[in-house]
Amino acid sequence: MNGLINKRFGEKEFQKYNYSLTKKNIDNFMEPLYELIYRFRNINPPTIGYKMNEVNIQHTRNTTSQIEKYVIKKIETEEQVLEYYNVINEVIEDLRDDEKIVFKAMYLECLSEEEIAEKMNVSRITIVKIKKSCILKVGLMLNLIVFKEG
């Protein structure tokens, strides 16, 4: 497998695997990360006010304040995001350098093929080839690859 990872996939590999379905599987794999990031960015602290109608006498043993709940929720969500990033980094660690750049640009920076091509100073067609190769490799490593039938 390592020899396979060290080279860019070509037509021979593209013939064996269903790129479209594999990409869809990877997109679905990445979706929870985007949701976690969104949640993390949008967890807002409680408003702090000292109006008399906001003063509650606690009848329960729950002594966690709204601020503590906010901090705990923020930390827990951040830990989930970091766990996801760690899995992704572990997987893409074995990709070629150009594939790492393309994968990160596509999935973590949400750049278009044109923007990636400009960033890497290569043609869009080159980006498409690198993209296909890295998608299939990541699909293999995450067990999300789809083989062509027949």
C-alpha atoms as a PDB file:
ATOM      1  CA  MET A   1       0.000   0.000   0.000  1.00  0.00           C
ATOM      2  CA  ASN A   2       2.811   2.437   0.860  1.00  0.00           C
ATOM      3  CA  GLY A   3       4.265   2.137  -2.651  1.00  0.00           C
ATOM      4  CA  LEU A   4       0.831   2.920  -4.015  1.00  0.00           C
ATOM      5  CA  ILE A   5       0.555   5.996  -1.797  1.00  0.00           C
ATOM      6  CA  ASN A   6       3.953   7.394  -2.832  1.00  0.00           C
ATOM      7  CA  LYS A   7       2.965   7.791  -6.473  1.00  0.00           C
ATOM      8  CA  ARG A   8       0.125   9.743  -8.006  1.00  0.00           C
ATOM      9  CA  PHE A   9      -2.748   7.589  -9.192  1.00  0.00           C
ATOM     10  CA  GLY A  10      -3.081   7.383 -12.951  1.00  0.00           C
ATOM     11  CA  GLU A  11      -5.484   5.947 -15.498  1.00  0.00           C
ATOM     12  CA  LYS A  12      -4.829   2.361 -14.347  1.00  0.00           C
ATOM     13  CA  GLU A  13      -6.082   3.137 -10.834  1.00  0.00           C
ATOM     14  CA  PHE A  14      -8.921   5.338 -12.084  1.00  0.00           C
ATOM     15  CA  GLN A  15     -10.191   2.330 -14.057  1.00  0.00           C
ATOM     16  CA  LYS A  16     -10.587   0.213 -10.888  1.00  0.00           C
ATOM     17  CA  TYR A  17     -12.325   2.718  -8.639  1.00  0.00           C
ATOM     18  CA  ASN A  18     -15.499   4.758  -8.869  1.00  0.00           C
ATOM     19  CA  TYR A  19     -14.187   8.276  -8.302  1.00  0.00           C
ATOM     20  CA  SER A  20     -17.598   9.978  -8.081  1.00  0.00           C
ATOM     21  CA  LEU A  21     -18.978   7.662  -5.404  1.00  0.00           C
ATOM     22  CA  THR A  22     -15.698   7.680  -3.493  1.00  0.00           C
ATOM     23  CA  LYS A  23     -15.665  11.493  -3.512  1.00  0.00           C
ATOM     24  CA  LYS A  24     -19.266  11.496  -2.301  1.00  0.00           C
ATOM     25  CA  ASN A  25     -18.251   9.187   0.576  1.00  0.00           C
ATOM     26  CA  ILE A  26     -15.392  11.510   1.528  1.00  0.00           C
ATOM     27  CA  ASP A  27     -17.687  14.538   1.304  1.00  0.00           C
ATOM     28  CA  ASN A  28     -20.090  12.742   3.670  1.00  0.00           C
ATOM     29  CA  PHE A  29     -17.181  11.877   5.966  1.00  0.00           C
ATOM     30  CA  MET A  30     -16.150  15.545   6.114  1.00  0.00           C
ATOM     31  CA  GLU A  31     -19.665  16.923   6.680  1.00  0.00           C
ATOM     32  CA  PRO A  32     -19.681  16.356  10.485  1.00  0.00           C
ATOM     33  CA  LEU A  33     -16.449  18.352  10.732  1.00  0.00           C
ATOM     34  CA  TYR A  34     -18.089  21.334   9.048  1.00  0.00           C
ATOM     35  CA  GLU A  35     -21.052  21.041  11.416  1.00  0.00           C
ATOM     36  CA  LEU A  36     -18.729  20.892  14.440  1.00  0.00           C
ATOM     37  CA  ILE A  37     -16.801  23.944  13.244  1.00  0.00           C
ATOM     38  CA  TYR A  38     -20.050  25.817  12.691  1.00  0.00           C
ATOM     39  CA  ARG A  39     -21.284  24.864  16.156  1.00  0.00           C
ATOM     40  CA  PHE A  40     -17.954  25.819  17.720  1.00  0.00           C
ATOM     41  CA  ARG A  41     -17.980  29.235  16.085  1.00  0.00           C
ATOM     42  CA  ASN A  42     -21.605  29.851  17.038  1.00  0.00           C
ATOM     43  CA  ILE A  43     -21.645  28.794  20.666  1.00  0.00           C
ATOM     44  CA  ASN A  44     -22.276  32.144  22.253  1.00  0.00           C
ATOM     45  CA  PRO A  45     -21.753  33.043  25.873  1.00  0.00           C
ATOM     46  CA  PRO A  46     -24.854  33.728  27.914  1.00  0.00           C
ATOM     47  CA  THR A  47     -25.820  37.328  28.351  1.00  0.00           C
ATOM     48  CA  ILE A  48     -24.703  38.681  31.633  1.00  0.00           C
ATOM     49  CA  GLY A  49     -27.296  40.794  33.364  1.00  0.00           C
ATOM     50  CA  TYR A  50     -28.165  41.653  36.873  1.00  0.00           C
ATOM     51  CA  LYS A  51     -31.820  42.435  36.525  1.00  0.00           C
ATOM     52  CA  MET A  52     -33.957  41.265  39.406  1.00  0.00           C
ATOM     53  CA  ASN A  53     -36.111  39.083  37.163  1.00  0.00           C
ATOM     54  CA  GLU A  54     -32.969  37.158  36.137  1.00  0.00           C
ATOM     55  CA  VAL A  55     -32.033  36.291  39.694  1.00  0.00           C
ATOM     56  CA  ASN A  56     -33.118  32.744  40.375  1.00  0.00           C
ATOM     57  CA  ILE A  57     -33.086  30.954  43.649  1.00  0.00           C
ATOM     58  CA  GLN A  58     -31.754  27.513  42.973  1.00  0.00           C
ATOM     59  CA  HIS A  59     -33.962  24.738  44.209  1.00  0.00           C
ATOM     60  CA  THR A  60     -31.851  21.993  42.721  1.00  0.00           C
ATOM     61  CA  ARG A  61     -28.410  20.768  43.517  1.00  0.00           C
ATOM     62  CA  ASN A  62     -27.184  21.886  40.109  1.00  0.00           C
ATOM     63  CA  THR A  63     -24.569  24.498  40.878  1.00  0.00           C
ATOM     64  CA  THR A  64     -23.263  24.913  37.346  1.00  0.00           C
ATOM     65  CA  SER A  65     -23.677  28.472  36.161  1.00  0.00           C
ATOM     66  CA  GLN A  66     -24.602  29.439  32.599  1.00  0.00           C
ATOM     67  CA  ILE A  67     -21.049  30.656  32.049  1.00  0.00           C
ATOM     68  CA  GLU A  68     -19.617  27.333  33.225  1.00  0.00           C
ATOM     69  CA  LYS A  69     -22.018  25.478  30.900  1.00  0.00           C
ATOM     70  CA  TYR A  70     -20.925  27.700  28.026  1.00  0.00           C
ATOM     71  CA  VAL A  71     -17.226  27.084  28.705  1.00  0.00           C
ATOM     72  CA  ILE A  72     -17.755  23.323  29.049  1.00  0.00           C
ATOM     73  CA  LYS A  73     -19.739  23.170  25.799  1.00  0.00           C
ATOM     74  CA  LYS A  74     -17.112  25.250  23.985  1.00  0.00           C
ATOM     75  CA  ILE A  75     -14.274  23.024  25.238  1.00  0.00           C
ATOM     76  CA  GLU A  76     -16.120  19.806  24.379  1.00  0.00           C
ATOM     77  CA  THR A  77     -16.877  21.011  20.861  1.00  0.00           C
ATOM     78  CA  GLU A  78     -13.288  22.152  20.367  1.00  0.00           C
ATOM     79  CA  GLU A  79     -12.056  18.712  21.463  1.00  0.00           C
ATOM     80  CA  GLN A  80     -14.368  17.056  18.910  1.00  0.00           C
ATOM     81  CA  VAL A  81     -13.056  19.337  16.153  1.00  0.00           C
ATOM     82  CA  LEU A  82      -9.444  18.553  17.134  1.00  0.00           C
ATOM     83  CA  GLU A  83     -10.151  14.797  17.156  1.00  0.00           C
ATOM     84  CA  TYR A  84     -11.537  15.083  13.626  1.00  0.00           C
ATOM     85  CA  TYR A  85      -8.528  17.127  12.486  1.00  0.00           C
ATOM     86  CA  ASN A  86      -6.192  14.533  14.001  1.00  0.00           C
ATOM     87  CA  VAL A  87      -7.854  11.728  12.035  1.00  0.00           C
ATOM     88  CA  ILE A  88      -7.634  13.751   8.833  1.00  0.00           C
ATOM     89  CA  ASN A  89      -4.003  14.735   9.436  1.00  0.00           C
ATOM     90  CA  GLU A  90      -3.077  11.140  10.181  1.00  0.00           C
ATOM     91  CA  VAL A  91      -4.635  10.023   6.897  1.00  0.00           C
ATOM     92  CA  ILE A  92      -3.190  12.741   4.672  1.00  0.00           C
ATOM     93  CA  GLU A  93       0.247  12.426   6.262  1.00  0.00           C
ATOM     94  CA  ASP A  94       1.007   9.607   3.803  1.00  0.00           C
ATOM     95  CA  LEU A  95      -0.029  11.567   0.711  1.00  0.00           C
ATOM     96  CA  ARG A  96       2.428  13.223  -1.640  1.00  0.00           C
ATOM     97  CA  ASP A  97       3.067  16.889  -0.838  1.00  0.00           C
ATOM     98  CA  ASP A  98       1.041  18.182  -3.788  1.00  0.00           C
ATOM     99  CA  GLU A  99      -1.875  15.915  -2.794  1.00  0.00           C
ATOM    100  CA  LYS A 100      -1.756  17.160   0.805  1.00  0.00           C
ATOM    101  CA  ILE A 101      -1.947  20.744  -0.395  1.00  0.00           C
ATOM    102  CA  VAL A 102      -4.874  19.999  -2.708  1.00  0.00           C
ATOM    103  CA  PHE A 103      -6.784  17.974  -0.108  1.00  0.00           C
ATOM    104  CA  LYS A 104      -6.360  20.620   2.581  1.00  0.00           C
ATOM    105  CA  ALA A 105      -7.251  23.410   0.163  1.00  0.00           C
ATOM    106  CA  MET A 106     -10.396  21.585  -1.001  1.00  0.00           C
ATOM    107  CA  TYR A 107     -11.709  20.294   2.304  1.00  0.00           C
ATOM    108  CA  LEU A 108     -10.258  22.546   4.988  1.00  0.00           C
ATOM    109  CA  GLU A 109      -9.980  25.865   3.166  1.00  0.00           C
ATOM    110  CA  CYS A 110     -12.938  25.230   0.802  1.00  0.00           C
ATOM    111  CA  LEU A 111     -11.082  26.605  -2.220  1.00  0.00           C
ATOM    112  CA  SER A 112     -12.163  25.990  -5.807  1.00  0.00           C
ATOM    113  CA  GLU A 113      -9.986  24.168  -8.328  1.00  0.00           C
ATOM    114  CA  GLU A 114      -9.149  27.493  -9.948  1.00  0.00           C
ATOM    115  CA  GLU A 115      -8.077  29.026  -6.636  1.00  0.00           C
ATOM    116  CA  ILE A 116      -5.936  25.986  -5.817  1.00  0.00           C
ATOM    117  CA  ALA A 117      -4.334  26.091  -9.272  1.00  0.00           C
ATOM    118  CA  GLU A 118      -3.494  29.751  -8.792  1.00  0.00           C
ATOM    119  CA  LYS A 119      -2.151  29.116  -5.286  1.00  0.00           C
ATOM    120  CA  MET A 120       0.060  26.252  -6.519  1.00  0.00           C
ATOM    121  CA  ASN A 121       0.953  28.002  -9.803  1.00  0.00           C
ATOM    122  CA  VAL A 122      -0.143  25.041 -11.933  1.00  0.00           C
ATOM    123  CA  SER A 123      -2.914  24.450 -14.460  1.00  0.00           C
ATOM    124  CA  ARG A 124      -6.446  23.542 -13.439  1.00  0.00           C
ATOM    125  CA  ILE A 125      -6.063  20.238 -15.330  1.00  0.00           C
ATOM    126  CA  THR A 126      -3.100  19.362 -13.109  1.00  0.00           C
ATOM    127  CA  ILE A 127      -5.214  20.132 -10.039  1.00  0.00           C
ATOM    128  CA  VAL A 128      -7.981  17.839 -11.334  1.00  0.00           C
ATOM    129  CA  LYS A 129      -5.476  14.965 -11.695  1.00  0.00           C
ATOM    130  CA  ILE A 130      -3.999  15.576  -8.236  1.00  0.00           C
ATOM    131  CA  LYS A 131      -7.494  15.885  -6.774  1.00  0.00           C
ATOM    132  CA  LYS A 132      -8.622  12.566  -8.244  1.00  0.00           C
ATOM    133  CA  SER A 133      -5.488  10.858  -7.011  1.00  0.00           C
ATOM    134  CA  CYS A 134      -5.724  12.185  -3.458  1.00  0.00           C
ATOM    135  CA  ILE A 135      -9.474  11.463  -3.227  1.00  0.00           C
ATOM    136  CA  LEU A 136      -8.923   7.830  -4.187  1.00  0.00           C
ATOM    137  CA  LYS A 137      -5.975   7.459  -1.802  1.00  0.00           C
ATOM    138  CA  VAL A 138      -7.881   9.002   1.102  1.00  0.00           C
ATOM    139  CA  GLY A 139     -10.827   6.790   0.196  1.00  0.00           C
ATOM    140  CA  LEU A 140      -8.553   3.752   0.413  1.00  0.00           C
ATOM    141  CA  MET A 141      -7.066   4.821   3.738  1.00  0.00           C
ATOM    142  CA  LEU A 142     -10.456   5.591   5.309  1.00  0.00           C
ATOM    143  CA  ASN A 143     -12.054   2.494   3.794  1.00  0.00           C
ATOM    144  CA  LEU A 144     -14.470   4.719   1.837  1.00  0.00           C
ATOM    145  CA  ILE A 145     -13.321   3.656  -1.635  1.00  0.00           C
ATOM    146  CA  VAL A 146     -15.918   2.373  -4.087  1.00  0.00           C
ATOM    147  CA  PHE A 147     -14.832  -0.173  -6.674  1.00  0.00           C
ATOM    148  CA  LYS A 148     -16.275  -0.098 -10.169  1.00  0.00           C
ATOM    149  CA  GLU A 149     -18.568  -2.986 -10.897  1.00  0.00           C
ATOM    150  CA  GLY A 150     -17.655  -5.533 -13.505  1.00  0.00           C
END
